[in-house]
Amino acid sequence: MQVLLINNDGGGFADYIEVPDGASVQEVFTEKVGNRPASDYLIRVNRQPCASQQILQEGDRISITPTKIEGAG
């Protein structure tokens, strides 16, 4: 299935990605961001805060925004 991923980390980008049916927010986060702690990010689905185990639906919009910016004082 296809979802829109908005990644505001670094330069930022938005793109439609393919995820398997039944994929959770945590699975997509781990695949796209890696092993960095999820607590350093604001993660939303369809503009609403979400649980890490929320199952994604076709057409969902996922945004990943860092809450800590490197080099900021």
N, C-alpha and C. Protein backbone atom coordinates (compact mmCIF):
# COMPACT_ATOMS: atom_id res chain seq x y z
N MET A 1 0.85 -1.17 0.00
CA MET A 1 0.00 0.00 0.00
C MET A 1 0.89 1.23 0.00
N GLN A 2 0.31 2.36 -0.35
CA GLN A 2 1.09 3.58 -0.49
C GLN A 2 0.68 4.60 0.59
N VAL A 3 1.70 5.22 1.22
CA VAL A 3 1.48 6.29 2.20
C VAL A 3 2.42 7.44 1.84
N LEU A 4 2.08 8.63 2.32
CA LEU A 4 2.93 9.81 2.10
C LEU A 4 3.82 9.98 3.32
N LEU A 5 5.12 10.01 3.10
CA LEU A 5 6.09 10.22 4.19
C LEU A 5 6.66 11.62 4.06
N ILE A 6 6.51 12.43 5.11
CA ILE A 6 7.10 13.75 5.18
C ILE A 6 8.19 13.68 6.23
N ASN A 7 9.45 13.73 5.78
CA ASN A 7 10.58 13.62 6.68
C ASN A 7 11.23 15.00 6.79
N ASN A 8 11.09 15.65 7.94
CA ASN A 8 11.63 16.98 8.16
C ASN A 8 13.02 16.94 8.80
N ASP A 9 13.68 15.80 8.75
CA ASP A 9 15.01 15.63 9.32
C ASP A 9 16.05 16.07 8.29
N GLY A 10 16.97 16.91 8.68
CA GLY A 10 18.00 17.38 7.74
C GLY A 10 17.39 18.31 6.71
N GLY A 11 17.62 18.00 5.44
CA GLY A 11 17.08 18.82 4.36
C GLY A 11 15.59 18.66 4.17
N GLY A 12 15.04 17.57 4.66
CA GLY A 12 13.62 17.32 4.55
C GLY A 12 13.23 16.85 3.15
N PHE A 13 12.18 16.04 3.09
CA PHE A 13 11.63 15.60 1.81
C PHE A 13 10.24 15.04 2.06
N ALA A 14 9.47 14.94 1.02
CA ALA A 14 8.17 14.29 1.08
C ALA A 14 8.05 13.40 -0.15
N ASP A 15 7.59 12.18 0.06
CA ASP A 15 7.44 11.26 -1.06
C ASP A 15 6.46 10.16 -0.68
N TYR A 16 5.80 9.62 -1.69
CA TYR A 16 4.97 8.46 -1.47
C TYR A 16 5.87 7.23 -1.40
N ILE A 17 5.63 6.38 -0.41
CA ILE A 17 6.42 5.17 -0.25
C ILE A 17 5.48 3.97 -0.18
N GLU A 18 6.00 2.83 -0.54
CA GLU A 18 5.26 1.58 -0.44
C GLU A 18 5.58 0.92 0.89
N VAL A 19 4.56 0.53 1.62
CA VAL A 19 4.73 -0.21 2.88
C VAL A 19 3.83 -1.44 2.82
N PRO A 20 4.21 -2.50 3.49
CA PRO A 20 3.36 -3.70 3.48
C PRO A 20 2.06 -3.48 4.24
N ASP A 21 1.02 -4.17 3.84
CA ASP A 21 -0.24 -4.12 4.59
C ASP A 21 0.04 -4.53 6.04
N GLY A 22 -0.55 -3.80 6.98
CA GLY A 22 -0.37 -4.11 8.39
C GLY A 22 0.88 -3.50 9.00
N ALA A 23 1.60 -2.65 8.26
CA ALA A 23 2.82 -2.02 8.78
C ALA A 23 2.45 -1.01 9.87
N SER A 24 3.30 -0.94 10.89
CA SER A 24 3.07 0.01 11.99
C SER A 24 3.91 1.26 11.77
N VAL A 25 3.58 2.30 12.50
CA VAL A 25 4.34 3.55 12.47
C VAL A 25 5.79 3.26 12.89
N GLN A 26 6.00 2.45 13.90
CA GLN A 26 7.35 2.12 14.38
C GLN A 26 8.18 1.46 13.29
N GLU A 27 7.59 0.57 12.53
CA GLU A 27 8.32 -0.12 11.46
C GLU A 27 8.80 0.87 10.39
N VAL A 28 7.94 1.79 10.01
CA VAL A 28 8.32 2.79 9.01
C VAL A 28 9.38 3.73 9.57
N PHE A 29 9.21 4.16 10.82
CA PHE A 29 10.20 5.03 11.46
C PHE A 29 11.57 4.37 11.49
N THR A 30 11.65 3.13 11.92
CA THR A 30 12.92 2.41 12.02
C THR A 30 13.55 2.24 10.64
N GLU A 31 12.75 1.95 9.64
CA GLU A 31 13.28 1.77 8.29
C GLU A 31 13.83 3.08 7.72
N LYS A 32 13.15 4.18 7.97
CA LYS A 32 13.54 5.45 7.35
C LYS A 32 14.52 6.27 8.16
N VAL A 33 14.48 6.18 9.49
CA VAL A 33 15.34 7.01 10.34
C VAL A 33 16.49 6.21 10.94
N GLY A 34 16.29 4.93 11.13
CA GLY A 34 17.36 4.10 11.67
C GLY A 34 17.22 3.90 13.17
N ASN A 35 18.34 3.79 13.85
CA ASN A 35 18.34 3.45 15.27
C ASN A 35 18.30 4.66 16.20
N ARG A 36 18.04 5.83 15.67
CA ARG A 36 17.95 7.01 16.54
C ARG A 36 16.70 6.91 17.40
N PRO A 37 16.72 7.46 18.62
CA PRO A 37 15.58 7.32 19.53
C PRO A 37 14.34 8.06 19.02
N ALA A 38 13.22 7.39 19.04
CA ALA A 38 11.95 7.99 18.60
C ALA A 38 11.57 9.17 19.49
N SER A 39 12.08 9.20 20.74
CA SER A 39 11.76 10.30 21.66
C SER A 39 12.35 11.63 21.19
N ASP A 40 13.27 11.59 20.23
CA ASP A 40 13.86 12.82 19.68
C ASP A 40 13.05 13.36 18.50
N TYR A 41 11.90 12.76 18.22
CA TYR A 41 11.09 13.14 17.06
C TYR A 41 9.62 13.31 17.44
N LEU A 42 8.96 14.20 16.73
CA LEU A 42 7.51 14.33 16.80
C LEU A 42 6.98 13.57 15.59
N ILE A 43 6.23 12.52 15.84
CA ILE A 43 5.73 11.67 14.77
C ILE A 43 4.21 11.77 14.76
N ARG A 44 3.66 12.09 13.61
CA ARG A 44 2.21 12.24 13.47
C ARG A 44 1.72 11.45 12.26
N VAL A 45 0.47 11.01 12.36
CA VAL A 45 -0.21 10.39 11.23
C VAL A 45 -1.46 11.21 10.97
N ASN A 46 -1.58 11.68 9.74
CA ASN A 46 -2.71 12.53 9.35
C ASN A 46 -2.87 13.72 10.28
N ARG A 47 -1.73 14.33 10.63
CA ARG A 47 -1.62 15.54 11.45
C ARG A 47 -1.99 15.33 12.92
N GLN A 48 -2.16 14.09 13.36
CA GLN A 48 -2.51 13.79 14.74
C GLN A 48 -1.40 12.98 15.40
N PRO A 49 -1.12 13.24 16.69
CA PRO A 49 -0.16 12.39 17.40
C PRO A 49 -0.60 10.93 17.33
N CYS A 50 0.35 10.03 17.33
CA CYS A 50 0.00 8.62 17.16
C CYS A 50 0.83 7.74 18.09
N ALA A 51 0.35 6.54 18.30
CA ALA A 51 1.09 5.53 19.05
C ALA A 51 2.05 4.82 18.09
N SER A 52 3.15 4.33 18.63
CA SER A 52 4.14 3.68 17.78
C SER A 52 3.60 2.42 17.11
N GLN A 53 2.65 1.76 17.73
CA GLN A 53 2.11 0.53 17.17
C GLN A 53 0.87 0.74 16.30
N GLN A 54 0.54 2.02 16.02
CA GLN A 54 -0.61 2.29 15.15
C GLN A 54 -0.38 1.67 13.78
N ILE A 55 -1.39 0.96 13.28
CA ILE A 55 -1.30 0.32 11.97
C ILE A 55 -1.68 1.35 10.91
N LEU A 56 -0.86 1.44 9.89
CA LEU A 56 -1.09 2.41 8.82
C LEU A 56 -2.15 1.92 7.84
N GLN A 57 -2.85 2.88 7.26
CA GLN A 57 -3.88 2.60 6.27
C GLN A 57 -3.47 3.22 4.94
N GLU A 58 -3.97 2.71 3.85
CA GLU A 58 -3.72 3.26 2.52
C GLU A 58 -4.00 4.76 2.51
N GLY A 59 -3.04 5.55 2.02
CA GLY A 59 -3.23 6.99 1.89
C GLY A 59 -2.89 7.80 3.13
N ASP A 60 -2.48 7.15 4.23
CA ASP A 60 -2.10 7.90 5.43
C ASP A 60 -0.93 8.82 5.12
N ARG A 61 -0.83 9.89 5.90
CA ARG A 61 0.26 10.87 5.79
C ARG A 61 1.06 10.81 7.09
N ILE A 62 2.33 10.44 7.01
CA ILE A 62 3.20 10.31 8.19
C ILE A 62 4.20 11.46 8.15
N SER A 63 4.30 12.21 9.25
CA SER A 63 5.33 13.25 9.32
C SER A 63 6.27 12.95 10.48
N ILE A 64 7.58 13.12 10.21
CA ILE A 64 8.63 12.87 11.20
C ILE A 64 9.44 14.16 11.31
N THR A 65 9.36 14.81 12.49
CA THR A 65 10.03 16.09 12.71
C THR A 65 10.91 15.97 13.94
N PRO A 66 12.20 16.31 13.82
CA PRO A 66 13.08 16.24 14.99
C PRO A 66 12.70 17.32 16.01
N THR A 67 12.78 16.96 17.28
CA THR A 67 12.53 17.94 18.34
C THR A 67 13.83 18.53 18.84
N LYS A 68 14.94 17.90 18.52
CA LYS A 68 16.26 18.39 18.88
C LYS A 68 17.04 18.59 17.60
N ILE A 69 17.58 19.80 17.42
CA ILE A 69 18.32 20.11 16.21
C ILE A 69 19.80 20.21 16.57
N GLU A 70 20.62 19.42 15.87
CA GLU A 70 22.07 19.41 16.15
C GLU A 70 22.66 20.79 15.99
N GLY A 71 23.48 21.19 16.94
CA GLY A 71 24.16 22.46 16.89
C GLY A 71 23.38 23.60 17.48
N ALA A 72 22.09 23.39 17.78
CA ALA A 72 21.28 24.45 18.37
C ALA A 72 21.63 24.58 19.86
N GLY A 73 21.73 25.78 20.33
CA GLY A 73 22.11 26.00 21.72
C GLY A 73 20.99 26.27 22.64
